[in-house]
Amino acid sequence: MIHQIWQNKETVKKVKCVHTDAKKYIVNNALTVGKEYEVKNETEEFYFIIDNSGKVGGFYKEYFQEA
């Protein structure tokens, strides 16, 4: 199961959080506006990053811009 080794995986790229205005979910506890995050995996819709909790989480790409 690849998701179990993502935290130790090489960083794909870095992205910067531009907002935490979620319509459906609370993301301001896991993301900080203006902070750069390391992308560990990417799909069409999500970035999988190490968030503020220190764990890998999947977030919509709309919260980020490439650093």
C-alpha atoms as a PDB file:
ATOM      1  CA  MET A   1       0.000   0.000   0.000  1.00  0.00           C
ATOM      2  CA  ILE A   2       1.784   3.046  -1.337  1.00  0.00           C
ATOM      3  CA  HIS A   3       0.057   5.573   0.962  1.00  0.00           C
ATOM      4  CA  GLN A   4       1.917   4.071   3.935  1.00  0.00           C
ATOM      5  CA  ILE A   5       5.334   5.144   2.568  1.00  0.00           C
ATOM      6  CA  TRP A   6       4.395   8.602   1.199  1.00  0.00           C
ATOM      7  CA  GLN A   7       5.799  10.423   4.224  1.00  0.00           C
ATOM      8  CA  ASN A   8       9.298   9.059   3.508  1.00  0.00           C
ATOM      9  CA  LYS A   9       8.948   9.377  -0.266  1.00  0.00           C
ATOM     10  CA  GLU A  10      10.928  11.914  -2.280  1.00  0.00           C
ATOM     11  CA  THR A  11       9.242  15.298  -2.683  1.00  0.00           C
ATOM     12  CA  VAL A  12       7.682  15.806  -6.131  1.00  0.00           C
ATOM     13  CA  LYS A  13       7.476  19.616  -5.879  1.00  0.00           C
ATOM     14  CA  LYS A  14       6.570  22.409  -3.486  1.00  0.00           C
ATOM     15  CA  VAL A  15       3.299  24.308  -3.401  1.00  0.00           C
ATOM     16  CA  LYS A  16       2.193  27.382  -1.463  1.00  0.00           C
ATOM     17  CA  CYS A  17      -1.167  27.568   0.303  1.00  0.00           C
ATOM     18  CA  VAL A  18      -3.131  30.576  -1.000  1.00  0.00           C
ATOM     19  CA  HIS A  19      -6.393  30.181   0.964  1.00  0.00           C
ATOM     20  CA  THR A  20      -8.257  27.917   3.371  1.00  0.00           C
ATOM     21  CA  ASP A  21     -11.790  28.960   2.423  1.00  0.00           C
ATOM     22  CA  ALA A  22     -13.375  25.527   2.130  1.00  0.00           C
ATOM     23  CA  LYS A  23     -17.054  25.197   1.292  1.00  0.00           C
ATOM     24  CA  LYS A  24     -17.531  21.762   2.794  1.00  0.00           C
ATOM     25  CA  TYR A  25     -14.555  20.831   4.986  1.00  0.00           C
ATOM     26  CA  ILE A  26     -12.490  22.489   7.709  1.00  0.00           C
ATOM     27  CA  VAL A  27      -8.960  22.844   6.358  1.00  0.00           C
ATOM     28  CA  ASN A  28      -7.662  25.844   8.296  1.00  0.00           C
ATOM     29  CA  ASN A  29      -6.562  23.487  11.108  1.00  0.00           C
ATOM     30  CA  ALA A  30      -4.359  21.518   8.700  1.00  0.00           C
ATOM     31  CA  LEU A  31      -3.126  24.288   6.360  1.00  0.00           C
ATOM     32  CA  THR A  32      -1.632  27.737   6.901  1.00  0.00           C
ATOM     33  CA  VAL A  33      -2.043  30.465   4.291  1.00  0.00           C
ATOM     34  CA  GLY A  34       1.341  31.524   2.905  1.00  0.00           C
ATOM     35  CA  LYS A  35       3.165  28.382   4.025  1.00  0.00           C
ATOM     36  CA  GLU A  36       4.946  26.108   1.526  1.00  0.00           C
ATOM     37  CA  TYR A  37       4.255  22.382   1.600  1.00  0.00           C
ATOM     38  CA  GLU A  38       6.062  19.421   0.046  1.00  0.00           C
ATOM     39  CA  VAL A  39       3.987  17.424  -2.436  1.00  0.00           C
ATOM     40  CA  LYS A  40       4.486  13.690  -1.951  1.00  0.00           C
ATOM     41  CA  ASN A  41       1.954  12.548  -4.554  1.00  0.00           C
ATOM     42  CA  GLU A  42      -0.456  14.197  -6.991  1.00  0.00           C
ATOM     43  CA  THR A  43      -3.638  13.274  -8.834  1.00  0.00           C
ATOM     44  CA  GLU A  44      -5.785  15.298 -11.220  1.00  0.00           C
ATOM     45  CA  GLU A  45      -7.785  16.756  -8.345  1.00  0.00           C
ATOM     46  CA  PHE A  46      -5.609  16.477  -5.209  1.00  0.00           C
ATOM     47  CA  TYR A  47      -2.167  17.168  -3.776  1.00  0.00           C
ATOM     48  CA  PHE A  48      -0.992  14.795  -1.063  1.00  0.00           C
ATOM     49  CA  ILE A  49       1.190  16.829   1.281  1.00  0.00           C
ATOM     50  CA  ILE A  50       2.597  16.701   4.787  1.00  0.00           C
ATOM     51  CA  ASP A  51       0.218  19.106   6.539  1.00  0.00           C
ATOM     52  CA  ASN A  52       0.512  20.978   9.855  1.00  0.00           C
ATOM     53  CA  SER A  53      -0.210  17.792  11.815  1.00  0.00           C
ATOM     54  CA  GLY A  54       2.940  16.181  10.391  1.00  0.00           C
ATOM     55  CA  LYS A  55       0.952  13.521   8.537  1.00  0.00           C
ATOM     56  CA  VAL A  56       0.222  13.105   4.848  1.00  0.00           C
ATOM     57  CA  GLY A  57      -3.176  14.462   3.835  1.00  0.00           C
ATOM     58  CA  GLY A  58      -4.979  14.935   0.532  1.00  0.00           C
ATOM     59  CA  PHE A  59      -6.222  18.424  -0.322  1.00  0.00           C
ATOM     60  CA  TYR A  60      -7.908  19.936  -3.364  1.00  0.00           C
ATOM     61  CA  LYS A  61      -5.490  21.736  -5.669  1.00  0.00           C
ATOM     62  CA  GLU A  62      -7.585  24.918  -5.434  1.00  0.00           C
ATOM     63  CA  TYR A  63      -5.953  25.743  -2.083  1.00  0.00           C
ATOM     64  CA  PHE A  64      -2.467  25.976  -3.612  1.00  0.00           C
ATOM     65  CA  GLN A  65      -0.274  27.561  -6.232  1.00  0.00           C
ATOM     66  CA  GLU A  66       3.057  26.184  -7.378  1.00  0.00           C
ATOM     67  CA  ALA A  67       5.980  27.664  -5.489  1.00  0.00           C
END
